[in-house]
N, C-alpha and C. Protein backbone atom coordinates (compact mmCIF):
# COMPACT_ATOMS: atom_id res chain seq x y z
N MET A 1 -30.19 5.47 5.13
CA MET A 1 -30.23 4.22 5.60
C MET A 1 -30.12 4.20 7.14
N PRO A 2 -31.06 3.58 7.90
CA PRO A 2 -31.11 3.72 9.34
C PRO A 2 -29.95 2.62 9.87
N GLY A 3 -29.39 2.87 11.11
CA GLY A 3 -28.70 1.80 11.56
C GLY A 3 -27.25 1.62 11.31
N VAL A 4 -26.81 2.56 10.48
CA VAL A 4 -25.34 2.35 10.12
C VAL A 4 -24.39 3.14 11.17
N ARG A 5 -23.41 2.50 11.57
CA ARG A 5 -22.37 2.83 12.57
C ARG A 5 -21.41 3.89 11.89
N ILE A 6 -21.40 5.09 12.20
CA ILE A 6 -20.56 6.18 11.79
C ILE A 6 -19.43 6.62 13.06
N SER A 7 -18.33 6.50 12.73
CA SER A 7 -17.17 6.81 13.74
C SER A 7 -16.45 8.07 13.26
N LEU A 8 -16.05 8.78 14.36
CA LEU A 8 -15.27 9.98 14.16
C LEU A 8 -14.11 9.95 15.01
N GLU A 9 -12.92 10.02 14.50
CA GLU A 9 -11.54 9.89 15.17
C GLU A 9 -10.78 11.04 14.88
N ILE A 10 -10.02 11.43 15.81
CA ILE A 10 -9.21 12.67 16.02
C ILE A 10 -7.72 11.88 15.74
N PRO A 11 -7.14 11.87 14.52
CA PRO A 11 -5.93 11.10 14.25
C PRO A 11 -4.74 11.19 15.25
N ARG A 12 -4.48 12.39 15.63
CA ARG A 12 -3.34 12.71 16.36
C ARG A 12 -3.48 12.08 17.97
N CYS A 13 -4.77 12.02 18.52
CA CYS A 13 -4.87 11.65 19.79
C CYS A 13 -5.67 10.46 20.01
N GLY A 14 -6.36 9.97 18.98
CA GLY A 14 -6.88 8.57 18.86
C GLY A 14 -8.17 8.61 19.54
N LEU A 15 -8.86 9.88 19.94
CA LEU A 15 -10.12 9.89 20.38
C LEU A 15 -11.05 9.31 19.31
N LEU A 16 -12.07 8.54 19.80
CA LEU A 16 -12.83 7.95 18.98
C LEU A 16 -14.30 8.21 19.49
N LEU A 17 -15.20 8.79 18.70
CA LEU A 17 -16.60 8.88 18.96
C LEU A 17 -17.50 8.07 17.93
N SER A 18 -18.58 7.64 18.26
CA SER A 18 -19.44 6.72 17.40
C SER A 18 -20.86 7.10 17.59
N THR A 19 -21.55 6.94 16.46
CA THR A 19 -23.02 7.10 16.60
C THR A 19 -23.68 6.21 15.48
N MET A 20 -24.98 6.05 15.45
CA MET A 20 -25.77 5.45 14.58
C MET A 20 -26.51 6.23 13.79
N THR A 21 -26.64 6.00 12.36
CA THR A 21 -27.80 6.99 11.58
C THR A 21 -29.16 6.68 12.15
N ASP A 22 -29.86 7.75 11.98
CA ASP A 22 -31.26 7.68 12.61
C ASP A 22 -32.13 7.13 11.41
N SER A 23 -33.52 7.08 11.77
CA SER A 23 -34.46 6.54 10.78
C SER A 23 -34.47 7.17 9.29
N ASN A 24 -33.71 8.30 9.21
CA ASN A 24 -33.70 8.93 7.96
C ASN A 24 -32.30 8.81 7.48
N GLY A 25 -31.44 7.97 8.12
CA GLY A 25 -30.26 7.91 7.53
C GLY A 25 -29.23 9.02 7.79
N THR A 26 -29.57 9.92 8.62
CA THR A 26 -28.67 11.07 9.02
C THR A 26 -27.92 10.93 10.28
N TYR A 27 -26.86 11.50 10.54
CA TYR A 27 -26.11 11.39 11.76
C TYR A 27 -25.36 12.83 11.84
N SER A 28 -24.81 13.11 13.01
CA SER A 28 -24.05 14.23 13.33
C SER A 28 -23.23 13.93 14.47
N PHE A 29 -22.27 14.84 14.51
CA PHE A 29 -21.22 14.92 15.58
C PHE A 29 -21.22 16.54 15.95
N ALA A 30 -21.81 17.07 16.92
CA ALA A 30 -21.94 18.32 17.38
C ALA A 30 -20.63 18.76 18.36
N GLY A 31 -20.28 20.14 18.45
CA GLY A 31 -19.49 20.53 19.40
C GLY A 31 -18.01 20.45 19.09
N LEU A 32 -17.77 20.09 17.77
CA LEU A 32 -16.24 19.79 17.25
C LEU A 32 -15.45 21.17 17.28
N ILE A 33 -14.33 20.99 17.62
CA ILE A 33 -13.29 22.20 17.50
C ILE A 33 -12.72 22.10 16.01
N MET A 34 -11.91 23.30 15.68
CA MET A 34 -11.26 23.11 14.49
C MET A 34 -10.30 22.05 14.52
N GLY A 35 -10.02 21.39 13.36
CA GLY A 35 -8.90 20.34 13.35
C GLY A 35 -9.19 19.31 12.44
N THR A 36 -8.34 18.35 12.34
CA THR A 36 -8.51 17.24 11.35
C THR A 36 -9.24 16.02 11.94
N TYR A 37 -10.19 15.49 11.35
CA TYR A 37 -10.93 14.35 11.65
C TYR A 37 -11.01 13.20 10.47
N LEU A 38 -11.06 11.98 11.26
CA LEU A 38 -11.32 10.87 9.99
C LEU A 38 -12.64 10.38 10.40
N VAL A 39 -13.41 10.35 9.33
CA VAL A 39 -14.86 9.89 9.57
C VAL A 39 -15.14 8.68 8.71
N THR A 40 -15.67 7.49 9.43
CA THR A 40 -15.79 6.16 8.77
C THR A 40 -17.10 5.74 9.10
N ALA A 41 -17.51 5.07 7.91
CA ALA A 41 -18.86 4.33 7.95
C ALA A 41 -18.53 2.89 7.85
N GLN A 42 -19.34 2.11 8.64
CA GLN A 42 -19.14 0.63 8.71
C GLN A 42 -20.27 -0.04 7.94
N ASP A 43 -19.78 -0.78 7.08
CA ASP A 43 -20.62 -1.54 6.04
C ASP A 43 -21.77 -2.29 7.02
N THR A 44 -23.00 -2.23 6.62
CA THR A 44 -23.99 -3.18 7.25
C THR A 44 -24.12 -4.29 6.54
N PRO A 45 -24.23 -5.61 7.32
CA PRO A 45 -24.33 -6.84 6.48
C PRO A 45 -25.41 -6.96 5.46
N GLY A 46 -25.01 -7.35 4.19
CA GLY A 46 -26.07 -7.40 3.17
C GLY A 46 -25.85 -6.26 2.34
N TYR A 47 -24.98 -5.23 2.70
CA TYR A 47 -24.92 -4.13 1.68
C TYR A 47 -23.30 -4.04 1.39
N CYS A 48 -23.07 -3.29 0.23
CA CYS A 48 -21.79 -3.12 -0.11
C CYS A 48 -21.72 -1.46 -0.39
N SER A 49 -20.41 -0.98 -0.13
CA SER A 49 -20.31 0.58 -0.30
C SER A 49 -20.12 0.78 -1.78
N THR A 50 -20.90 2.08 -2.12
CA THR A 50 -20.74 2.55 -3.46
C THR A 50 -19.92 3.85 -3.37
N THR A 51 -19.41 4.33 -2.18
CA THR A 51 -18.55 5.39 -1.95
C THR A 51 -17.31 4.94 -1.00
N PRO A 52 -16.35 5.63 -0.95
CA PRO A 52 -15.35 5.12 0.20
C PRO A 52 -15.98 5.43 1.52
N ASN A 53 -15.35 4.48 2.37
CA ASN A 53 -16.08 4.37 3.80
C ASN A 53 -15.25 5.21 4.64
N ILE A 54 -14.16 5.88 4.27
CA ILE A 54 -13.36 6.78 5.10
C ILE A 54 -13.06 8.00 4.46
N PHE A 55 -13.28 9.15 5.15
CA PHE A 55 -13.00 10.54 4.79
C PHE A 55 -12.21 11.14 5.78
N LEU A 56 -11.08 11.93 5.36
CA LEU A 56 -10.31 12.70 6.23
C LEU A 56 -10.83 14.20 5.89
N VAL A 57 -11.24 14.67 7.03
CA VAL A 57 -11.80 16.18 6.66
C VAL A 57 -11.05 17.06 7.72
N GLU A 58 -10.96 18.28 7.11
CA GLU A 58 -10.37 19.53 7.84
C GLU A 58 -11.43 20.41 8.20
N ILE A 59 -11.87 20.71 9.46
CA ILE A 59 -12.94 21.61 9.84
C ILE A 59 -12.26 22.94 10.35
N GLY A 60 -12.79 24.09 9.67
CA GLY A 60 -12.36 25.35 9.94
C GLY A 60 -13.34 26.03 11.10
N PHE A 61 -13.09 27.09 11.70
CA PHE A 61 -13.81 27.76 12.75
C PHE A 61 -15.29 27.98 12.22
N GLY A 62 -16.25 27.50 12.90
CA GLY A 62 -17.62 27.71 12.65
C GLY A 62 -18.18 27.02 11.36
N GLN A 63 -17.28 25.96 10.84
CA GLN A 63 -17.48 25.35 9.52
C GLN A 63 -18.46 24.26 9.88
N LYS A 64 -19.41 23.80 8.90
CA LYS A 64 -20.23 22.73 8.96
C LYS A 64 -19.96 21.93 7.84
N ILE A 65 -19.63 20.53 7.84
CA ILE A 65 -19.25 19.77 6.75
C ILE A 65 -20.10 18.69 6.81
N GLU A 66 -20.73 18.44 5.55
CA GLU A 66 -21.69 17.21 5.21
C GLU A 66 -20.85 16.08 4.48
N ILE A 67 -20.89 14.90 5.09
CA ILE A 67 -20.32 13.67 4.39
C ILE A 67 -21.35 12.76 4.31
N ASN A 68 -21.60 12.31 2.96
CA ASN A 68 -22.52 11.29 2.72
C ASN A 68 -21.92 10.08 2.25
N PHE A 69 -22.43 9.04 2.53
CA PHE A 69 -21.90 7.69 2.32
C PHE A 69 -22.96 6.91 1.63
N GLY A 70 -22.68 6.13 0.76
CA GLY A 70 -23.46 5.30 -0.32
C GLY A 70 -23.25 3.77 -0.12
N ASP A 71 -24.48 3.22 0.08
CA ASP A 71 -24.48 1.58 0.22
C ASP A 71 -25.53 1.16 -0.59
N LEU A 72 -25.34 -0.08 -1.20
CA LEU A 72 -26.19 -0.74 -2.01
C LEU A 72 -26.30 -2.20 -1.65
N MET A 73 -27.72 -2.64 -1.46
CA MET A 73 -27.93 -3.96 -1.03
C MET A 73 -27.59 -4.86 -1.99
N VAL A 74 -26.90 -5.96 -1.42
CA VAL A 74 -26.31 -7.14 -2.27
C VAL A 74 -27.33 -8.12 -2.51
N ILE A 75 -27.72 -8.37 -3.64
CA ILE A 75 -28.73 -9.38 -4.04
C ILE A 75 -27.82 -10.45 -4.59
N PRO A 76 -27.84 -11.76 -3.99
CA PRO A 76 -26.89 -12.74 -4.49
C PRO A 76 -27.11 -13.08 -5.85
N GLY A 77 -26.09 -13.17 -6.52
CA GLY A 77 -26.14 -13.41 -7.87
C GLY A 77 -26.27 -12.38 -8.93
N CYS A 78 -26.53 -11.10 -8.42
CA CYS A 78 -26.80 -9.91 -9.34
C CYS A 78 -25.45 -8.99 -9.60
N PHE A 79 -24.38 -9.38 -8.98
CA PHE A 79 -23.21 -8.56 -9.01
C PHE A 79 -22.15 -9.42 -9.73
N PRO A 80 -21.17 -8.93 -10.35
CA PRO A 80 -20.02 -9.66 -11.04
C PRO A 80 -19.45 -10.79 -10.03
N ALA A 81 -18.86 -11.63 -10.60
CA ALA A 81 -17.80 -12.70 -9.94
C ALA A 81 -16.50 -12.62 -10.72
N ILE A 82 -15.71 -12.91 -9.88
CA ILE A 82 -14.17 -13.32 -10.53
C ILE A 82 -13.85 -14.86 -10.15
N ALA A 83 -13.61 -15.54 -11.24
CA ALA A 83 -13.61 -16.95 -10.90
C ALA A 83 -12.42 -17.43 -11.75
N GLY A 84 -11.82 -18.64 -11.45
CA GLY A 84 -10.72 -19.20 -12.26
C GLY A 84 -10.38 -20.61 -11.69
N GLN A 85 -9.25 -21.18 -12.19
CA GLN A 85 -8.77 -22.35 -11.82
C GLN A 85 -7.31 -22.23 -11.63
N VAL A 86 -6.80 -23.25 -10.64
CA VAL A 86 -5.23 -23.31 -10.41
C VAL A 86 -4.93 -24.70 -10.97
N LEU A 87 -3.81 -24.89 -11.85
CA LEU A 87 -3.54 -25.87 -12.39
C LEU A 87 -1.96 -26.17 -12.20
N GLU A 88 -1.54 -27.48 -12.63
CA GLU A 88 -0.14 -27.74 -12.55
C GLU A 88 0.27 -27.63 -13.99
N ASP A 89 1.01 -26.50 -14.25
CA ASP A 89 1.26 -26.13 -15.64
C ASP A 89 2.55 -26.87 -16.11
N LEU A 90 2.47 -28.10 -16.60
CA LEU A 90 3.43 -29.07 -16.87
C LEU A 90 4.43 -28.57 -17.87
N ASN A 91 3.91 -27.89 -18.83
CA ASN A 91 4.61 -27.41 -20.04
C ASN A 91 4.95 -25.94 -19.98
N ALA A 92 4.57 -25.27 -18.82
CA ALA A 92 4.70 -23.68 -18.63
C ALA A 92 4.24 -22.86 -19.67
N SER A 93 3.06 -23.37 -20.29
CA SER A 93 2.49 -22.49 -21.28
C SER A 93 1.68 -21.41 -20.92
N GLY A 94 1.19 -21.46 -19.39
CA GLY A 94 0.31 -20.52 -18.98
C GLY A 94 -1.13 -20.55 -19.08
N GLU A 95 -1.48 -21.99 -19.86
CA GLU A 95 -2.90 -22.29 -20.11
C GLU A 95 -3.01 -23.68 -19.86
N ARG A 96 -4.22 -24.05 -19.61
CA ARG A 96 -4.42 -25.56 -19.30
C ARG A 96 -4.44 -26.42 -20.53
N ASP A 97 -3.60 -27.34 -20.56
CA ASP A 97 -3.54 -28.25 -21.75
C ASP A 97 -4.06 -29.63 -21.38
N ASP A 98 -4.39 -30.57 -22.29
CA ASP A 98 -4.91 -31.70 -22.03
C ASP A 98 -3.79 -32.40 -21.00
N GLY A 99 -4.45 -33.21 -19.99
CA GLY A 99 -3.59 -34.11 -19.13
C GLY A 99 -2.99 -33.17 -17.98
N GLU A 100 -3.11 -31.93 -18.04
CA GLU A 100 -2.55 -31.14 -16.77
C GLU A 100 -3.73 -31.12 -15.74
N PRO A 101 -3.03 -31.60 -14.52
CA PRO A 101 -4.01 -31.80 -13.28
C PRO A 101 -4.45 -30.33 -12.78
N LEU A 102 -5.50 -30.27 -12.26
CA LEU A 102 -6.01 -29.00 -11.61
C LEU A 102 -5.61 -29.31 -10.12
N LEU A 103 -5.30 -28.22 -9.23
CA LEU A 103 -4.71 -28.35 -8.00
C LEU A 103 -5.97 -27.76 -7.00
N SER A 104 -6.08 -28.62 -6.01
CA SER A 104 -6.95 -28.40 -4.96
C SER A 104 -6.32 -27.74 -3.72
N ASN A 105 -6.96 -27.13 -2.89
CA ASN A 105 -6.61 -26.61 -1.55
C ASN A 105 -5.51 -25.58 -1.75
N VAL A 106 -5.71 -24.80 -2.83
CA VAL A 106 -4.55 -23.85 -3.04
C VAL A 106 -5.32 -22.39 -2.55
N LEU A 107 -4.50 -21.63 -1.84
CA LEU A 107 -5.15 -20.32 -1.32
C LEU A 107 -4.98 -19.24 -2.37
N VAL A 108 -6.16 -18.75 -2.52
CA VAL A 108 -6.32 -17.51 -3.68
C VAL A 108 -6.96 -16.54 -2.92
N THR A 109 -6.43 -15.31 -3.02
CA THR A 109 -6.97 -14.07 -2.14
C THR A 109 -7.47 -12.92 -3.05
N LEU A 110 -8.48 -12.44 -2.82
CA LEU A 110 -9.05 -11.15 -3.52
C LEU A 110 -9.08 -9.97 -2.52
N SER A 111 -8.33 -8.92 -3.16
CA SER A 111 -8.40 -7.58 -2.33
C SER A 111 -8.84 -6.50 -3.18
N SER A 112 -9.54 -5.71 -2.54
CA SER A 112 -10.13 -4.35 -3.21
C SER A 112 -8.98 -3.47 -3.33
N GLU A 113 -9.10 -2.50 -4.35
CA GLU A 113 -7.98 -1.52 -4.57
C GLU A 113 -8.00 -0.59 -3.42
N ASP A 114 -8.83 -0.26 -2.66
CA ASP A 114 -8.73 0.62 -1.51
C ASP A 114 -8.50 -0.05 -0.29
N GLY A 115 -8.23 -1.39 -0.44
CA GLY A 115 -7.84 -2.16 0.84
C GLY A 115 -8.93 -2.41 1.87
N ALA A 116 -10.14 -2.07 1.79
CA ALA A 116 -11.15 -2.28 2.62
C ALA A 116 -11.76 -3.70 2.60
N LEU A 117 -11.43 -4.48 1.56
CA LEU A 117 -12.09 -5.80 1.47
C LEU A 117 -10.98 -6.84 1.11
N THR A 118 -10.82 -7.80 1.77
CA THR A 118 -9.87 -9.14 1.52
C THR A 118 -10.70 -10.20 1.86
N ILE A 119 -10.80 -11.07 0.78
CA ILE A 119 -11.36 -12.53 0.97
C ILE A 119 -10.33 -13.54 0.60
N ARG A 120 -10.37 -14.55 1.34
CA ARG A 120 -9.45 -15.74 1.16
C ARG A 120 -10.33 -17.09 0.91
N VAL A 121 -10.06 -17.70 -0.09
CA VAL A 121 -10.75 -19.09 -0.44
C VAL A 121 -9.73 -20.10 -0.81
N PHE A 122 -10.10 -21.26 -0.77
CA PHE A 122 -9.18 -22.35 -1.15
C PHE A 122 -9.89 -23.09 -2.43
N THR A 123 -9.06 -23.41 -3.36
CA THR A 123 -9.54 -24.08 -4.47
C THR A 123 -10.26 -25.34 -4.08
N ASP A 124 -11.24 -25.71 -4.87
CA ASP A 124 -12.03 -26.88 -4.55
C ASP A 124 -11.26 -28.19 -5.16
N GLU A 125 -12.11 -29.33 -5.26
CA GLU A 125 -11.40 -30.58 -5.81
C GLU A 125 -11.06 -30.42 -7.09
N PHE A 126 -11.68 -29.58 -7.88
CA PHE A 126 -11.42 -29.35 -9.43
C PHE A 126 -10.51 -28.04 -9.60
N GLY A 127 -9.81 -27.63 -8.60
CA GLY A 127 -8.96 -26.57 -8.80
C GLY A 127 -9.68 -25.19 -8.93
N ARG A 128 -11.01 -25.21 -8.65
CA ARG A 128 -11.75 -23.83 -8.87
C ARG A 128 -11.84 -22.92 -7.54
N TYR A 129 -11.98 -21.61 -8.09
CA TYR A 129 -12.20 -20.74 -6.92
C TYR A 129 -13.01 -19.70 -7.53
N GLN A 130 -13.80 -18.90 -6.71
CA GLN A 130 -14.77 -17.91 -7.13
C GLN A 130 -15.07 -16.91 -6.10
N PHE A 131 -15.07 -15.67 -6.45
CA PHE A 131 -15.49 -14.65 -5.59
C PHE A 131 -16.77 -13.92 -6.25
N GLU A 132 -17.89 -14.04 -5.56
CA GLU A 132 -19.20 -13.50 -6.19
C GLU A 132 -19.61 -12.24 -5.45
N ASP A 133 -20.61 -11.71 -6.04
CA ASP A 133 -21.17 -10.55 -5.75
C ASP A 133 -20.44 -9.29 -5.38
N LEU A 134 -19.60 -8.99 -6.38
CA LEU A 134 -18.64 -7.97 -6.12
C LEU A 134 -19.18 -6.62 -6.63
N ALA A 135 -18.87 -5.58 -5.88
CA ALA A 135 -19.18 -4.26 -6.28
C ALA A 135 -18.26 -3.79 -7.34
N PRO A 136 -18.75 -2.87 -8.30
CA PRO A 136 -17.83 -2.44 -9.23
C PRO A 136 -16.63 -1.91 -8.49
N GLY A 137 -15.46 -1.87 -9.35
CA GLY A 137 -14.13 -1.60 -8.87
C GLY A 137 -12.94 -2.37 -9.31
N ARG A 138 -11.70 -1.92 -8.80
CA ARG A 138 -10.70 -2.96 -9.22
C ARG A 138 -10.27 -3.70 -7.97
N TYR A 139 -9.88 -5.08 -8.33
CA TYR A 139 -9.44 -5.91 -7.47
C TYR A 139 -8.09 -6.47 -7.91
N THR A 140 -7.31 -7.10 -6.74
CA THR A 140 -6.17 -7.87 -7.09
C THR A 140 -6.50 -9.33 -6.53
N VAL A 141 -6.26 -10.24 -7.46
CA VAL A 141 -6.66 -11.64 -7.29
C VAL A 141 -5.04 -12.17 -7.04
N THR A 142 -4.69 -12.92 -5.94
CA THR A 142 -3.35 -13.40 -5.72
C THR A 142 -3.53 -14.71 -5.33
N GLU A 143 -2.62 -15.55 -6.01
CA GLU A 143 -2.43 -17.22 -5.76
C GLU A 143 -1.12 -17.36 -4.95
N ILE A 144 -1.45 -18.15 -3.82
CA ILE A 144 -0.30 -18.35 -2.84
C ILE A 144 0.23 -19.81 -3.44
N ASN A 145 1.50 -19.62 -4.04
CA ASN A 145 1.88 -21.04 -4.48
C ASN A 145 2.11 -22.11 -3.43
N PRO A 146 1.64 -23.23 -3.40
CA PRO A 146 1.82 -24.26 -2.63
C PRO A 146 3.37 -24.66 -2.55
N HIS A 147 3.91 -25.12 -1.52
CA HIS A 147 5.22 -25.37 -1.30
C HIS A 147 5.87 -26.36 -2.33
N GLU A 148 4.94 -27.29 -2.73
CA GLU A 148 5.60 -28.30 -3.70
C GLU A 148 5.61 -27.64 -5.05
N TYR A 149 4.97 -26.43 -5.35
CA TYR A 149 5.00 -25.90 -6.62
C TYR A 149 5.54 -24.28 -6.64
N PRO A 150 6.83 -24.25 -6.16
CA PRO A 150 7.40 -22.88 -6.07
C PRO A 150 7.71 -22.01 -7.16
N VAL A 151 7.44 -22.49 -8.48
CA VAL A 151 7.72 -21.75 -9.56
C VAL A 151 6.41 -21.68 -10.31
N SER A 152 6.08 -20.52 -10.91
CA SER A 152 4.86 -20.21 -11.43
C SER A 152 5.17 -19.54 -12.98
N PRO A 153 4.69 -20.32 -13.96
CA PRO A 153 4.92 -19.79 -15.17
C PRO A 153 3.89 -18.38 -15.67
N THR A 154 2.82 -18.35 -14.65
CA THR A 154 2.01 -17.37 -14.83
C THR A 154 2.23 -16.27 -13.73
N PRO A 155 1.79 -15.12 -13.73
CA PRO A 155 1.76 -14.10 -12.68
C PRO A 155 1.16 -14.68 -11.39
N ASP A 156 1.46 -14.48 -10.16
CA ASP A 156 0.77 -14.98 -8.95
C ASP A 156 -0.26 -13.78 -8.49
N GLU A 157 -0.20 -12.64 -9.23
CA GLU A 157 -0.96 -11.50 -8.79
C GLU A 157 -1.47 -10.89 -10.12
N VAL A 158 -2.87 -10.73 -10.06
CA VAL A 158 -3.53 -10.16 -11.22
C VAL A 158 -4.40 -8.89 -11.01
N ASN A 159 -4.26 -7.88 -11.45
CA ASN A 159 -5.31 -6.84 -11.21
C ASN A 159 -6.46 -6.97 -12.18
N VAL A 160 -7.77 -6.94 -11.69
CA VAL A 160 -8.95 -7.24 -12.39
C VAL A 160 -9.93 -6.18 -12.14
N PRO A 161 -10.45 -5.59 -13.27
CA PRO A 161 -11.39 -4.51 -13.06
C PRO A 161 -12.91 -5.38 -13.01
N VAL A 162 -13.77 -5.02 -12.25
CA VAL A 162 -14.84 -5.60 -12.28
C VAL A 162 -16.04 -4.39 -12.63
N GLU A 163 -16.50 -4.65 -13.81
CA GLU A 163 -17.28 -3.61 -14.47
C GLU A 163 -16.38 -2.87 -15.52
N VAL A 164 -16.57 -3.18 -16.69
CA VAL A 164 -15.61 -2.62 -17.67
C VAL A 164 -16.51 -1.72 -18.66
N HIS A 165 -16.18 -0.64 -19.01
CA HIS A 165 -16.97 0.31 -19.84
C HIS A 165 -16.36 0.55 -21.20
N PHE A 166 -17.12 0.43 -22.31
CA PHE A 166 -16.72 0.67 -23.50
C PHE A 166 -17.24 1.85 -24.17
N GLY A 167 -16.45 2.77 -24.86
CA GLY A 167 -16.88 3.83 -25.56
C GLY A 167 -17.04 3.73 -27.09
N ASP A 168 -18.21 4.05 -27.66
CA ASP A 168 -18.22 4.04 -29.14
C ASP A 168 -18.71 5.37 -29.72
N ARG A 169 -18.42 5.82 -30.86
CA ARG A 169 -18.54 7.01 -31.49
C ARG A 169 -19.12 6.77 -32.97
N GLY A 170 -20.24 7.47 -33.30
CA GLY A 170 -20.64 7.32 -34.67
C GLY A 170 -19.68 8.10 -35.75
N ALA A 171 -19.78 7.54 -36.83
CA ALA A 171 -19.07 8.09 -37.92
C ALA A 171 -19.32 9.45 -38.42
N SER A 172 -18.62 10.43 -38.54
CA SER A 172 -18.94 11.73 -38.90
C SER A 172 -18.39 12.01 -40.09
């Protein structure tokens, strides 16, 4: 992919070098000495990462290291979503029962397992929230309790996998 910003940092001294991938999607940092480096790819708008965006590498004398990053074009509506509602759980059942009102303007946060992604939304007038076009991975969804509702009968933080795989085996 051309035009992706790649950064190289020497952690101990904070020196930062940066380059862009060329028309073939390649990049390089020449003339490096032995040591530890942090290599980072910046996501391009409209793409999501399929590999980690940060690599810590140790370069030895005369060593050449190749680090490849993967990105995938995000096509709206093609990737999974995480959605739900926030309600006033009058009977503390953990589920919405008849007559229990939905709460608007409640902050809900989505964070990726690697910490690279954090999205904050507020529930709509029907207590709904949604995070769309998520890349496969594990996410944490956190509800911030409104001041007037300090007690929650359900967990305020839930780990959610996006893309669940099932394994089957034939009878033998």
